Amino acid sequence: MANDLYIGCPNGIVLCVDELNQMGCSGRFYHSYQKEAVSFGSLGELLFRMEGFFDSLNFPRRGNTDRNFMEPHTAKNGQQKERERIMADKEVLGHKGQQETFIVRVQHRQNNTWQGRITWADKDKTLTFRSIWEMVHLMENALYEGASPDEIPDFQSWEEKGDQEE
């Protein structure tokens, strides 16, 4: 990775994609608040684990939350205990995926999705995204860049593929 890569925010992660499979991808991600990697076996699992990480930091704050007028807040004055950083950004940036590596910085969680920036670390390219699905699309473009059509997973589609029984 280039020396000028940075994380730059409290919730930044280094996303290491190790394998491409029918579930999208599998791998691990790292952040400053624990030494161990957070593993994922599918794209869906990745997104849920990232959302859980953001919730644990309460950063960025959710734009939409469930309202509860009957139970008191679990934390005093609505504040959570701040997590302590264990790793420096330089150490987090030292991790690399077997397939590709991305740096993800979610800046907002509004309208039930994420907005932020993603850096394709191996190419040192950064783009903004306006939704989770736009981020996923950017990752897929990077993961399958230069691949032949038969190397790209054959996901189910709405197009008819001959005689299929129901």
C-alpha atoms as a PDB file:
ATOM      1  CA  MET A   1       0.000   0.000   0.000  1.00  0.00           C
ATOM      2  CA  ALA A   2       1.136   3.538  -0.634  1.00  0.00           C
ATOM      3  CA  ASN A   3       2.531   5.590   2.216  1.00  0.00           C
ATOM      4  CA  ASP A   4      -0.028   8.373   1.762  1.00  0.00           C
ATOM      5  CA  LEU A   5      -3.063   6.204   2.650  1.00  0.00           C
ATOM      6  CA  TYR A   6      -4.859   7.251   5.800  1.00  0.00           C
ATOM      7  CA  ILE A   7      -7.909   6.354   7.865  1.00  0.00           C
ATOM      8  CA  GLY A   8      -8.784   9.840   9.092  1.00  0.00           C
ATOM      9  CA  CYS A   9     -11.901   9.164  11.171  1.00  0.00           C
ATOM     10  CA  PRO A  10     -12.783   7.287  14.375  1.00  0.00           C
ATOM     11  CA  ASN A  11     -14.850   4.633  12.601  1.00  0.00           C
ATOM     12  CA  GLY A  12     -12.557   3.996   9.631  1.00  0.00           C
ATOM     13  CA  ILE A  13     -11.887   0.378   8.780  1.00  0.00           C
ATOM     14  CA  VAL A  14      -9.440  -1.526   6.608  1.00  0.00           C
ATOM     15  CA  LEU A  15     -11.453  -4.116   4.709  1.00  0.00           C
ATOM     16  CA  CYS A  16      -9.418  -7.122   3.563  1.00  0.00           C
ATOM     17  CA  VAL A  17     -11.134  -9.269   0.924  1.00  0.00           C
ATOM     18  CA  ASP A  18      -9.495 -12.691   0.937  1.00  0.00           C
ATOM     19  CA  GLU A  19     -11.793 -14.774  -1.258  1.00  0.00           C
ATOM     20  CA  LEU A  20     -14.463 -14.269  -3.892  1.00  0.00           C
ATOM     21  CA  ASN A  21     -17.356 -16.728  -3.747  1.00  0.00           C
ATOM     22  CA  GLN A  22     -21.042 -17.184  -4.576  1.00  0.00           C
ATOM     23  CA  MET A  23     -21.915 -15.150  -1.465  1.00  0.00           C
ATOM     24  CA  GLY A  24     -19.918 -12.224  -2.831  1.00  0.00           C
ATOM     25  CA  CYS A  25     -16.751 -12.234  -0.809  1.00  0.00           C
ATOM     26  CA  SER A  26     -15.232 -13.288   2.481  1.00  0.00           C
ATOM     27  CA  GLY A  27     -12.406 -11.894   4.539  1.00  0.00           C
ATOM     28  CA  ARG A  28     -11.879  -9.681   7.564  1.00  0.00           C
ATOM     29  CA  PHE A  29     -11.755  -6.082   8.620  1.00  0.00           C
ATOM     30  CA  TYR A  30      -9.704  -4.153  11.134  1.00  0.00           C
ATOM     31  CA  HIS A  31     -10.296  -1.004  13.140  1.00  0.00           C
ATOM     32  CA  SER A  32      -8.461   0.909  15.855  1.00  0.00           C
ATOM     33  CA  TYR A  33     -10.432  -0.468  18.813  1.00  0.00           C
ATOM     34  CA  GLN A  34      -9.291  -4.103  18.847  1.00  0.00           C
ATOM     35  CA  LYS A  35      -6.275  -6.090  17.675  1.00  0.00           C
ATOM     36  CA  GLU A  36      -8.253  -9.080  16.384  1.00  0.00           C
ATOM     37  CA  ALA A  37      -9.802  -9.067  12.938  1.00  0.00           C
ATOM     38  CA  VAL A  38     -13.569  -9.089  12.489  1.00  0.00           C
ATOM     39  CA  SER A  39     -14.221 -11.986  10.089  1.00  0.00           C
ATOM     40  CA  PHE A  40     -17.049 -12.260   7.583  1.00  0.00           C
ATOM     41  CA  GLY A  41     -18.097 -15.081   5.290  1.00  0.00           C
ATOM     42  CA  SER A  42     -20.471 -13.200   3.008  1.00  0.00           C
ATOM     43  CA  LEU A  43     -21.300  -9.716   1.873  1.00  0.00           C
ATOM     44  CA  GLY A  44     -24.415  -9.645   4.061  1.00  0.00           C
ATOM     45  CA  GLU A  45     -22.431 -10.665   7.125  1.00  0.00           C
ATOM     46  CA  LEU A  46     -19.864  -7.946   6.367  1.00  0.00           C
ATOM     47  CA  LEU A  47     -22.547  -5.249   6.260  1.00  0.00           C
ATOM     48  CA  PHE A  48     -24.184  -6.414   9.514  1.00  0.00           C
ATOM     49  CA  ARG A  49     -20.825  -6.567  11.314  1.00  0.00           C
ATOM     50  CA  MET A  50     -19.882  -3.098  10.077  1.00  0.00           C
ATOM     51  CA  GLU A  51     -23.253  -1.719  11.231  1.00  0.00           C
ATOM     52  CA  GLY A  52     -22.686  -3.352  14.647  1.00  0.00           C
ATOM     53  CA  PHE A  53     -19.265  -1.706  14.860  1.00  0.00           C
ATOM     54  CA  PHE A  54     -20.743   1.723  14.062  1.00  0.00           C
ATOM     55  CA  ASP A  55     -23.468   1.136  16.671  1.00  0.00           C
ATOM     56  CA  SER A  56     -20.835   0.234  19.290  1.00  0.00           C
ATOM     57  CA  LEU A  57     -19.099   3.567  18.652  1.00  0.00           C
ATOM     58  CA  ASN A  58     -22.348   5.447  18.159  1.00  0.00           C
ATOM     59  CA  PHE A  59     -20.493   7.082  15.278  1.00  0.00           C
ATOM     60  CA  PRO A  60     -21.753   8.083  12.914  1.00  0.00           C
ATOM     61  CA  ARG A  61     -25.058   8.378  14.715  1.00  0.00           C
ATOM     62  CA  ARG A  62     -27.990   6.609  13.154  1.00  0.00           C
ATOM     63  CA  GLY A  63     -30.260   8.947  11.251  1.00  0.00           C
ATOM     64  CA  ASN A  64     -33.272   6.762  11.998  1.00  0.00           C
ATOM     65  CA  THR A  65     -33.727   5.101  15.361  1.00  0.00           C
ATOM     66  CA  ASP A  66     -36.552   3.333  17.089  1.00  0.00           C
ATOM     67  CA  ARG A  67     -38.389   5.600  19.504  1.00  0.00           C
ATOM     68  CA  ASN A  68     -39.234   4.332  22.952  1.00  0.00           C
ATOM     69  CA  PHE A  69     -41.190   6.528  25.338  1.00  0.00           C
ATOM     70  CA  MET A  70     -41.774   3.877  28.007  1.00  0.00           C
ATOM     71  CA  GLU A  71     -38.285   2.724  29.017  1.00  0.00           C
ATOM     72  CA  PRO A  72     -35.542   4.986  30.372  1.00  0.00           C
ATOM     73  CA  HIS A  73     -32.276   5.386  28.470  1.00  0.00           C
ATOM     74  CA  THR A  74     -29.718   2.690  29.176  1.00  0.00           C
ATOM     75  CA  ALA A  75     -26.906   5.228  29.488  1.00  0.00           C
ATOM     76  CA  LYS A  76     -27.073   8.321  31.671  1.00  0.00           C
ATOM     77  CA  ASN A  77     -27.880  11.492  29.750  1.00  0.00           C
ATOM     78  CA  GLY A  78     -27.988   9.448  26.530  1.00  0.00           C
ATOM     79  CA  GLN A  79     -24.187   9.178  26.494  1.00  0.00           C
ATOM     80  CA  GLN A  80     -22.201   6.001  25.955  1.00  0.00           C
ATOM     81  CA  LYS A  81     -18.777   5.284  27.335  1.00  0.00           C
ATOM     82  CA  GLU A  82     -16.233   6.175  24.655  1.00  0.00           C
ATOM     83  CA  ARG A  83     -14.197   3.248  23.336  1.00  0.00           C
ATOM     84  CA  GLU A  84     -10.445   3.465  23.669  1.00  0.00           C
ATOM     85  CA  ARG A  85      -8.217   3.087  20.625  1.00  0.00           C
ATOM     86  CA  ILE A  86      -5.806   0.183  20.882  1.00  0.00           C
ATOM     87  CA  MET A  87      -4.062   0.392  17.500  1.00  0.00           C
ATOM     88  CA  ALA A  88      -2.621   3.378  15.678  1.00  0.00           C
ATOM     89  CA  ASP A  89      -3.859   4.077  12.151  1.00  0.00           C
ATOM     90  CA  LYS A  90      -0.482   3.031  10.731  1.00  0.00           C
ATOM     91  CA  GLU A  91      -0.831  -0.419  12.315  1.00  0.00           C
ATOM     92  CA  VAL A  92      -4.410  -0.828  11.053  1.00  0.00           C
ATOM     93  CA  LEU A  93      -3.287   0.201   7.553  1.00  0.00           C
ATOM     94  CA  GLY A  94      -0.640  -2.556   7.635  1.00  0.00           C
ATOM     95  CA  HIS A  95      -3.255  -5.254   6.974  1.00  0.00           C
ATOM     96  CA  LYS A  96      -3.814  -6.414   3.408  1.00  0.00           C
ATOM     97  CA  GLY A  97      -6.394  -8.684   1.780  1.00  0.00           C
ATOM     98  CA  GLN A  98      -5.430 -11.666  -0.374  1.00  0.00           C
ATOM     99  CA  GLN A  99      -7.662 -10.346  -3.203  1.00  0.00           C
ATOM    100  CA  GLU A 100      -8.121  -6.618  -2.540  1.00  0.00           C
ATOM    101  CA  THR A 101      -7.951  -4.080   0.267  1.00  0.00           C
ATOM    102  CA  PHE A 102     -10.308  -1.156   0.868  1.00  0.00           C
ATOM    103  CA  ILE A 103     -10.411   1.641   3.416  1.00  0.00           C
ATOM    104  CA  VAL A 104     -14.002   2.493   4.293  1.00  0.00           C
ATOM    105  CA  ARG A 105     -14.973   5.729   6.040  1.00  0.00           C
ATOM    106  CA  VAL A 106     -18.696   5.993   6.706  1.00  0.00           C
ATOM    107  CA  GLN A 107     -19.427   9.652   7.427  1.00  0.00           C
ATOM    108  CA  HIS A 108     -23.222   9.537   7.792  1.00  0.00           C
ATOM    109  CA  ARG A 109     -25.936   6.962   8.410  1.00  0.00           C
ATOM    110  CA  GLN A 110     -28.995   8.715   7.056  1.00  0.00           C
ATOM    111  CA  ASN A 111     -32.130   7.462   5.318  1.00  0.00           C
ATOM    112  CA  ASN A 112     -31.386   3.918   6.537  1.00  0.00           C
ATOM    113  CA  THR A 113     -28.167   3.692   4.528  1.00  0.00           C
ATOM    114  CA  TRP A 114     -24.561   4.897   4.649  1.00  0.00           C
ATOM    115  CA  GLN A 115     -22.762   7.777   2.995  1.00  0.00           C
ATOM    116  CA  GLY A 116     -18.997   8.141   2.956  1.00  0.00           C
ATOM    117  CA  ARG A 117     -15.760   7.453   1.124  1.00  0.00           C
ATOM    118  CA  ILE A 118     -14.086   4.239   0.022  1.00  0.00           C
ATOM    119  CA  THR A 119     -10.456   3.918  -1.000  1.00  0.00           C
ATOM    120  CA  TRP A 120      -9.276   1.066  -3.194  1.00  0.00           C
ATOM    121  CA  ALA A 121      -5.960   0.778  -1.375  1.00  0.00           C
ATOM    122  CA  ASP A 122      -4.121  -1.280  -3.984  1.00  0.00           C
ATOM    123  CA  LYS A 123      -4.766   1.398  -6.632  1.00  0.00           C
ATOM    124  CA  ASP A 124      -4.822   4.397  -4.232  1.00  0.00           C
ATOM    125  CA  LYS A 125      -8.170   5.592  -5.656  1.00  0.00           C
ATOM    126  CA  THR A 126     -10.869   7.187  -3.501  1.00  0.00           C
ATOM    127  CA  LEU A 127     -14.534   7.728  -4.368  1.00  0.00           C
ATOM    128  CA  THR A 128     -17.569   8.852  -2.417  1.00  0.00           C
ATOM    129  CA  PHE A 129     -20.675   6.716  -2.094  1.00  0.00           C
ATOM    130  CA  ARG A 130     -24.257   7.715  -1.291  1.00  0.00           C
ATOM    131  CA  SER A 131     -25.602   4.335  -0.199  1.00  0.00           C
ATOM    132  CA  ILE A 132     -24.496   0.930   1.014  1.00  0.00           C
ATOM    133  CA  TRP A 133     -25.344  -0.506  -2.389  1.00  0.00           C
ATOM    134  CA  GLU A 134     -23.266   2.081  -4.199  1.00  0.00           C
ATOM    135  CA  MET A 135     -20.325   1.157  -1.930  1.00  0.00           C
ATOM    136  CA  VAL A 136     -20.894  -2.544  -2.700  1.00  0.00           C
ATOM    137  CA  HIS A 137     -21.034  -1.783  -6.423  1.00  0.00           C
ATOM    138  CA  LEU A 138     -17.695   0.070  -6.234  1.00  0.00           C
ATOM    139  CA  MET A 139     -16.155  -2.887  -4.382  1.00  0.00           C
ATOM    140  CA  GLU A 140     -17.488  -5.365  -6.965  1.00  0.00           C
ATOM    141  CA  ASN A 141     -16.101  -3.240  -9.805  1.00  0.00           C
ATOM    142  CA  ALA A 142     -12.682  -3.398  -8.165  1.00  0.00           C
ATOM    143  CA  LEU A 143     -12.884  -7.102  -7.311  1.00  0.00           C
ATOM    144  CA  TYR A 144     -13.872  -8.165 -10.813  1.00  0.00           C
ATOM    145  CA  GLU A 145     -11.832  -5.628 -12.784  1.00  0.00           C
ATOM    146  CA  GLY A 146     -10.291  -7.357 -15.762  1.00  0.00           C
ATOM    147  CA  ALA A 147     -12.089 -10.649 -15.051  1.00  0.00           C
ATOM    148  CA  SER A 148     -13.499 -12.648 -17.912  1.00  0.00           C
ATOM    149  CA  PRO A 149     -17.282 -13.189 -17.909  1.00  0.00           C
ATOM    150  CA  ASP A 150     -16.902 -16.818 -16.799  1.00  0.00           C
ATOM    151  CA  GLU A 151     -14.917 -15.699 -13.704  1.00  0.00           C
ATOM    152  CA  ILE A 152     -17.742 -13.481 -12.470  1.00  0.00           C
ATOM    153  CA  PRO A 153     -20.210 -15.384 -10.242  1.00  0.00           C
ATOM    154  CA  ASP A 154     -23.423 -16.413 -11.964  1.00  0.00           C
ATOM    155  CA  PHE A 155     -25.957 -14.836  -9.632  1.00  0.00           C
ATOM    156  CA  GLN A 156     -29.616 -15.626 -10.010  1.00  0.00           C
ATOM    157  CA  SER A 157     -31.447 -13.184 -12.265  1.00  0.00           C
ATOM    158  CA  TRP A 158     -34.944 -12.479 -13.522  1.00  0.00           C
ATOM    159  CA  GLU A 159     -34.000 -13.418 -17.044  1.00  0.00           C
ATOM    160  CA  GLU A 160     -35.278 -16.775 -18.260  1.00  0.00           C
ATOM    161  CA  LYS A 161     -32.623 -19.447 -18.644  1.00  0.00           C
ATOM    162  CA  GLY A 162     -34.308 -22.155 -20.705  1.00  0.00           C
ATOM    163  CA  ASP A 163     -36.744 -24.648 -19.217  1.00  0.00           C
ATOM    164  CA  GLN A 164     -36.815 -24.320 -15.437  1.00  0.00           C
ATOM    165  CA  GLU A 165     -39.277 -26.194 -13.290  1.00  0.00           C
ATOM    166  CA  GLU A 166     -40.991 -24.514 -10.403  1.00  0.00           C
END
